[in-house]
């Protein structure tokens, strides 16, 4: 997110902070819409989203977006109280059907209770999804310096010390996240658009995929679940008449897919993704980010991403297409 647009957001992270998956029980039964015994008969269990991530990465923006979409948002709730909040929502007779809870390092003395709370929710067959907001160290340092606020964990050290301590504290939670959003290069409006794309709408799809082209020379997308390398194909960059164009150009795309192995790769990788998608559905995973890379993210990865996204759409997977690095050269 840009420094100017993030200034208010970082302050909210400290003061007022407010590239997702259904969980199932051992039998594969999704819990949304089921019932629980709350003492006054059977009641519908609310849908639960836990928002966490790095300080300054946009948790307050993500929470505010869900609030605008009609979610009941609770800021900095001690993790031990999350099951209680779900139970209270179940007693609301449908008035609180979707709950979002922000968990961050300000409640670090309660943070050890989060694992117990998550286990409790799973035992009660409660659908819970974890959204993790990520950002690069450089971007986080710029944001904190722009608002002249210390990192909540830096103590007497530097901002980078606080960031490192927070990454270590959140490492396990990030590994359990259902949806990771990298906000390093996003502004507030772009982050809201990503949240809207994931949570807006009356009905959630079975599986939603983001296909993202990128350039290896700009770094791997930190929110990628799967990474594909297209550098085994000849680079159109070395064809003078194709160099100025991108993989969106018909001539460039035709050149890429006329190369030996290109079509076979697309066909076989699509088949592999069908197997993976079936497994994701069985495990209740709802979101997947597929990163398709080449050297600069301009030609081969763009052309392959376009074809791959179209194939996934024909397989009934709702697909969002992003070209991360196109135009950077």
Foldseek 3Di string as FASTA:
>chain_A
DDQVLLQVVLVCLVPVAQLWWWAFAPVLDGQAQFWDCLPPDTFGFAAEEEEEAFRSLRRSLLQVLVVVQPAATDEQDQLLCVVVVRSVLRVPRPNHRYYYGYHYCVNVVSVVCNVVSVVVCRVRNHTYAYEYRYEDPVQSLSNCVSNVHAQPQQVPHHNSNSRVVRCVVCVVVVVVHLFYDYCHPPGSVRVSVVSCVQPPDDDAALAAEEEEEFAPVVPDDPGAPAEAELAVFDDCCPVVVPNVAFQVDPVLLVNRCVTPPRVVVLVVVLVVVVVVSVVCSSRRRHYHYYYYYYHQLGGNSLSSSVVNQVSVVVVVHHYHYYSDRHPVD
